N, C-alpha and C. Protein backbone atom coordinates (compact mmCIF):
# COMPACT_ATOMS: atom_id res chain seq x y z
N MET A 1 123.72 124.95 129.04
CA MET A 1 124.06 124.47 130.32
C MET A 1 122.94 125.42 131.22
N GLY A 2 122.41 125.16 132.12
CA GLY A 2 121.31 126.09 132.83
C GLY A 2 121.17 125.68 134.53
N ALA A 3 120.21 126.28 134.97
CA ALA A 3 120.61 125.58 136.29
C ALA A 3 118.93 126.34 136.75
N LEU A 4 118.33 125.72 138.15
CA LEU A 4 117.14 126.13 138.52
C LEU A 4 117.36 126.10 140.01
N TYR A 5 117.08 127.52 140.98
CA TYR A 5 117.52 127.44 141.85
C TYR A 5 116.19 128.02 143.05
N ILE A 6 116.12 127.29 143.36
CA ILE A 6 114.89 127.50 144.46
C ILE A 6 115.15 127.48 145.77
N GLU A 7 115.10 128.64 146.68
CA GLU A 7 115.32 128.82 147.92
C GLU A 7 114.78 128.12 148.89
N LYS A 8 115.63 127.68 150.02
CA LYS A 8 115.22 126.82 150.79
C LYS A 8 114.87 125.66 150.51
N GLU A 9 115.23 125.10 148.97
CA GLU A 9 115.09 123.82 148.63
C GLU A 9 116.55 122.74 148.63
N ALA A 10 116.32 121.83 148.99
CA ALA A 10 117.56 120.69 148.05
C ALA A 10 117.29 119.74 147.35
N VAL A 11 117.81 119.35 146.75
CA VAL A 11 117.85 117.64 146.07
C VAL A 11 118.98 116.54 146.47
N THR A 12 117.79 115.71 147.12
CA THR A 12 119.12 114.68 147.46
C THR A 12 119.42 113.43 146.98
N ASP A 13 120.46 112.78 146.50
CA ASP A 13 120.49 111.23 145.86
C ASP A 13 120.15 110.68 146.37
N PRO A 14 118.45 109.69 145.86
CA PRO A 14 118.30 108.48 146.83
C PRO A 14 119.07 108.00 147.15
N TRP A 15 120.42 107.22 146.72
CA TRP A 15 121.11 106.17 146.84
C TRP A 15 122.12 106.52 147.73
N LEU A 16 122.50 107.70 147.41
CA LEU A 16 123.98 108.51 147.80
C LEU A 16 123.69 108.45 149.54
N LEU A 17 122.90 109.57 149.67
CA LEU A 17 122.59 109.59 151.35
C LEU A 17 122.76 108.16 152.44
N PRO A 18 121.87 107.07 152.04
CA PRO A 18 121.80 106.08 152.57
C PRO A 18 123.39 105.05 152.20
N VAL A 19 123.87 105.45 151.46
CA VAL A 19 125.68 104.86 151.51
C VAL A 19 126.43 105.53 152.45
N LEU A 20 126.06 106.85 152.31
CA LEU A 20 126.88 107.72 153.26
C LEU A 20 126.42 106.83 154.87
N LEU A 21 125.23 107.32 154.95
CA LEU A 21 125.14 106.70 156.21
C LEU A 21 125.60 105.95 156.75
N ALA A 22 125.51 104.55 156.18
CA ALA A 22 125.81 103.34 156.03
C ALA A 22 127.44 103.26 156.33
N ASN A 23 128.16 104.16 155.60
CA ASN A 23 129.39 103.98 155.98
C ASN A 23 129.76 104.59 157.27
N ASP A 24 129.21 105.67 157.18
CA ASP A 24 129.35 106.69 159.06
C ASP A 24 129.33 105.67 159.93
N ALA A 25 128.01 104.96 159.96
CA ALA A 25 127.20 103.73 160.92
C ALA A 25 128.55 103.02 161.10
N ARG A 26 129.22 102.31 160.29
CA ARG A 26 130.16 101.49 160.36
C ARG A 26 131.50 101.94 160.73
N LYS A 27 131.95 103.19 160.47
CA LYS A 27 133.11 103.64 161.40
C LYS A 27 132.81 103.83 162.57
N LYS A 28 131.99 103.64 163.31
CA LYS A 28 131.08 103.53 164.81
C LYS A 28 130.78 102.81 165.04
N GLY A 29 131.35 101.69 164.41
CA GLY A 29 131.13 99.97 165.12
C GLY A 29 130.09 99.68 164.37
N ALA A 30 128.98 99.84 163.38
CA ALA A 30 127.68 99.24 163.47
C ALA A 30 128.19 97.89 162.61
N ILE A 31 127.07 97.01 162.23
CA ILE A 31 127.45 95.69 161.89
C ILE A 31 126.04 95.77 160.84
N ILE A 32 126.34 95.68 159.53
CA ILE A 32 125.17 96.17 158.44
C ILE A 32 125.44 94.70 157.94
N LEU A 33 124.08 94.03 158.00
CA LEU A 33 124.21 92.95 157.36
C LEU A 33 122.73 92.44 156.44
N VAL A 34 123.56 92.05 154.88
CA VAL A 34 122.38 92.35 154.14
C VAL A 34 122.11 90.56 153.55
N GLY A 35 121.12 90.42 152.81
CA GLY A 35 120.70 89.19 152.34
C GLY A 35 120.57 88.49 153.55
N ALA A 36 119.85 88.85 154.07
CA ALA A 36 119.95 87.76 155.63
C ALA A 36 117.74 88.29 155.94
N LYS A 37 117.04 87.17 155.62
CA LYS A 37 115.80 87.04 156.48
C LYS A 37 115.54 87.30 157.79
N VAL A 38 115.19 88.52 158.75
CA VAL A 38 114.58 88.50 159.91
C VAL A 38 113.34 87.55 160.57
N LEU A 39 113.65 86.36 161.53
CA LEU A 39 112.99 85.81 161.60
C LEU A 39 112.34 86.14 162.88
N ALA A 40 112.89 86.87 163.51
CA ALA A 40 112.08 87.12 165.12
C ALA A 40 112.93 88.19 165.82
N VAL A 41 112.24 89.32 166.46
CA VAL A 41 112.93 90.03 166.86
C VAL A 41 112.59 90.22 168.69
N ASN A 42 113.63 89.68 169.45
CA ASN A 42 112.97 89.82 170.79
C ASN A 42 113.24 91.15 171.69
N ASN A 43 112.68 91.63 172.41
CA ASN A 43 113.22 92.94 173.04
C ASN A 43 113.46 92.51 174.68
N GLY A 44 114.43 93.57 174.67
CA GLY A 44 115.13 93.17 176.18
C GLY A 44 115.44 94.51 176.68
N GLU A 45 116.81 94.00 177.76
CA GLU A 45 118.20 94.93 177.62
C GLU A 45 118.44 95.72 176.42
N TYR A 46 119.04 94.34 175.60
CA TYR A 46 119.37 94.38 174.48
C TYR A 46 117.97 93.65 173.64
N GLU A 47 117.99 94.45 172.12
CA GLU A 47 117.48 93.90 171.35
C GLU A 47 118.34 92.58 170.59
N GLN A 48 117.20 91.37 170.07
CA GLN A 48 118.16 90.42 169.66
C GLN A 48 117.60 90.30 168.49
N VAL A 49 118.11 90.12 167.66
CA VAL A 49 117.34 89.96 166.16
C VAL A 49 118.12 88.75 165.75
N GLU A 50 117.05 87.52 165.65
CA GLU A 50 117.20 86.44 164.82
C GLU A 50 117.01 86.27 163.31
N THR A 51 118.35 86.15 162.55
CA THR A 51 118.37 86.20 161.02
C THR A 51 118.59 84.79 160.84
N THR A 52 118.49 84.41 159.12
CA THR A 52 118.86 82.96 158.43
C THR A 52 120.76 83.15 158.15
N ARG A 53 120.94 84.65 159.08
CA ARG A 53 122.84 84.16 159.46
C ARG A 53 123.25 84.58 160.19
N GLY A 54 122.37 83.94 161.19
CA GLY A 54 122.70 83.76 162.69
C GLY A 54 122.27 85.00 163.72
N VAL A 55 122.22 84.96 164.98
CA VAL A 55 121.46 85.76 165.87
C VAL A 55 122.47 86.73 166.53
N PHE A 56 121.73 88.29 166.31
CA PHE A 56 122.65 89.34 166.44
C PHE A 56 121.98 90.37 167.38
N ARG A 57 122.64 91.06 168.46
CA ARG A 57 122.42 91.68 169.80
C ARG A 57 122.61 92.94 169.82
N GLY A 58 122.30 93.77 170.19
CA GLY A 58 122.74 95.42 170.39
C GLY A 58 121.75 96.37 171.08
N ARG A 59 122.58 97.52 171.68
CA ARG A 59 121.34 98.34 172.56
C ARG A 59 120.70 99.37 171.23
N CYS A 60 121.27 98.91 169.75
CA CYS A 60 120.46 100.00 168.70
C CYS A 60 120.19 99.04 167.60
N VAL A 61 118.97 98.96 167.40
CA VAL A 61 118.93 98.47 165.87
C VAL A 61 118.00 99.19 164.91
N VAL A 62 118.78 99.05 163.92
CA VAL A 62 117.83 100.04 163.12
C VAL A 62 116.94 99.07 161.38
N ASN A 63 115.67 99.30 161.56
CA ASN A 63 114.67 98.67 160.39
C ASN A 63 114.95 99.08 159.22
N CYS A 64 115.44 98.41 158.52
CA CYS A 64 116.43 98.59 157.10
C CYS A 64 115.32 97.82 155.84
N GLY A 65 114.35 97.01 156.04
CA GLY A 65 113.44 96.15 156.29
C GLY A 65 113.28 96.52 154.53
N GLY A 66 113.41 97.94 154.31
CA GLY A 66 113.02 97.84 152.93
C GLY A 66 111.13 97.88 152.62
N LEU A 67 110.95 97.16 151.66
CA LEU A 67 109.65 97.07 151.28
C LEU A 67 108.78 95.97 152.22
N TYR A 68 109.68 95.07 153.29
CA TYR A 68 109.54 94.63 154.34
C TYR A 68 109.40 94.97 155.54
N GLY A 69 109.97 96.51 155.80
CA GLY A 69 109.82 97.28 156.87
C GLY A 69 108.67 97.00 157.78
N ASP A 70 107.36 96.87 157.49
CA ASP A 70 106.40 96.80 158.13
C ASP A 70 106.63 94.95 158.97
N VAL A 71 106.67 94.19 158.01
CA VAL A 71 106.83 92.52 158.64
C VAL A 71 108.40 92.54 159.80
N VAL A 72 109.11 93.35 159.74
CA VAL A 72 109.93 93.79 160.48
C VAL A 72 109.39 94.24 161.72
N ASP A 73 108.97 95.31 161.31
CA ASP A 73 108.02 96.23 162.48
C ASP A 73 107.36 95.17 163.34
N ARG A 74 106.60 94.63 162.81
CA ARG A 74 105.48 93.91 163.51
C ARG A 74 106.33 92.48 164.41
N LEU A 75 107.28 92.02 163.78
CA LEU A 75 108.61 90.91 164.37
C LEU A 75 109.03 91.66 165.13
N ALA A 76 108.72 92.55 165.89
CA ALA A 76 109.70 93.41 166.98
C ALA A 76 108.52 93.49 168.51
N GLY A 77 106.85 93.81 167.45
CA GLY A 77 106.12 93.79 168.30
C GLY A 77 105.59 95.50 168.40
N LYS A 78 105.94 95.73 167.19
CA LYS A 78 105.63 97.35 167.27
C LYS A 78 104.08 97.42 165.74
N GLU A 79 103.59 98.72 165.84
CA GLU A 79 102.91 98.55 164.82
C GLU A 79 102.77 99.84 164.27
N GLN A 80 104.31 100.54 164.06
CA GLN A 80 104.40 102.05 163.79
C GLN A 80 103.81 102.46 161.83
N PHE A 81 103.81 101.11 161.42
CA PHE A 81 103.64 101.59 159.79
C PHE A 81 102.40 101.91 159.57
N ARG A 82 101.98 102.90 158.76
CA ARG A 82 100.64 103.46 158.70
C ARG A 82 100.72 103.20 156.73
N TYR A 83 99.53 102.59 156.17
CA TYR A 83 99.73 102.58 154.67
C TYR A 83 98.43 103.82 154.40
């Protein structure tokens, strides 16, 4: 058995960190919706997200569109994704 130590470096599990962050967000009142396609995003005092599973409003909406994150970004009227 062995190990490699590199000062000021860390290894992060690519699955565990998002799961932990989602769990913490749920504890703080966030709603996590999976399996829904985003149809529209309306900006205003509250963000309103229309999906195939209903309409949701919130002060803070996190884009977790994964491979479709750029599509969700454009629906929100933003062009922040770069290729």
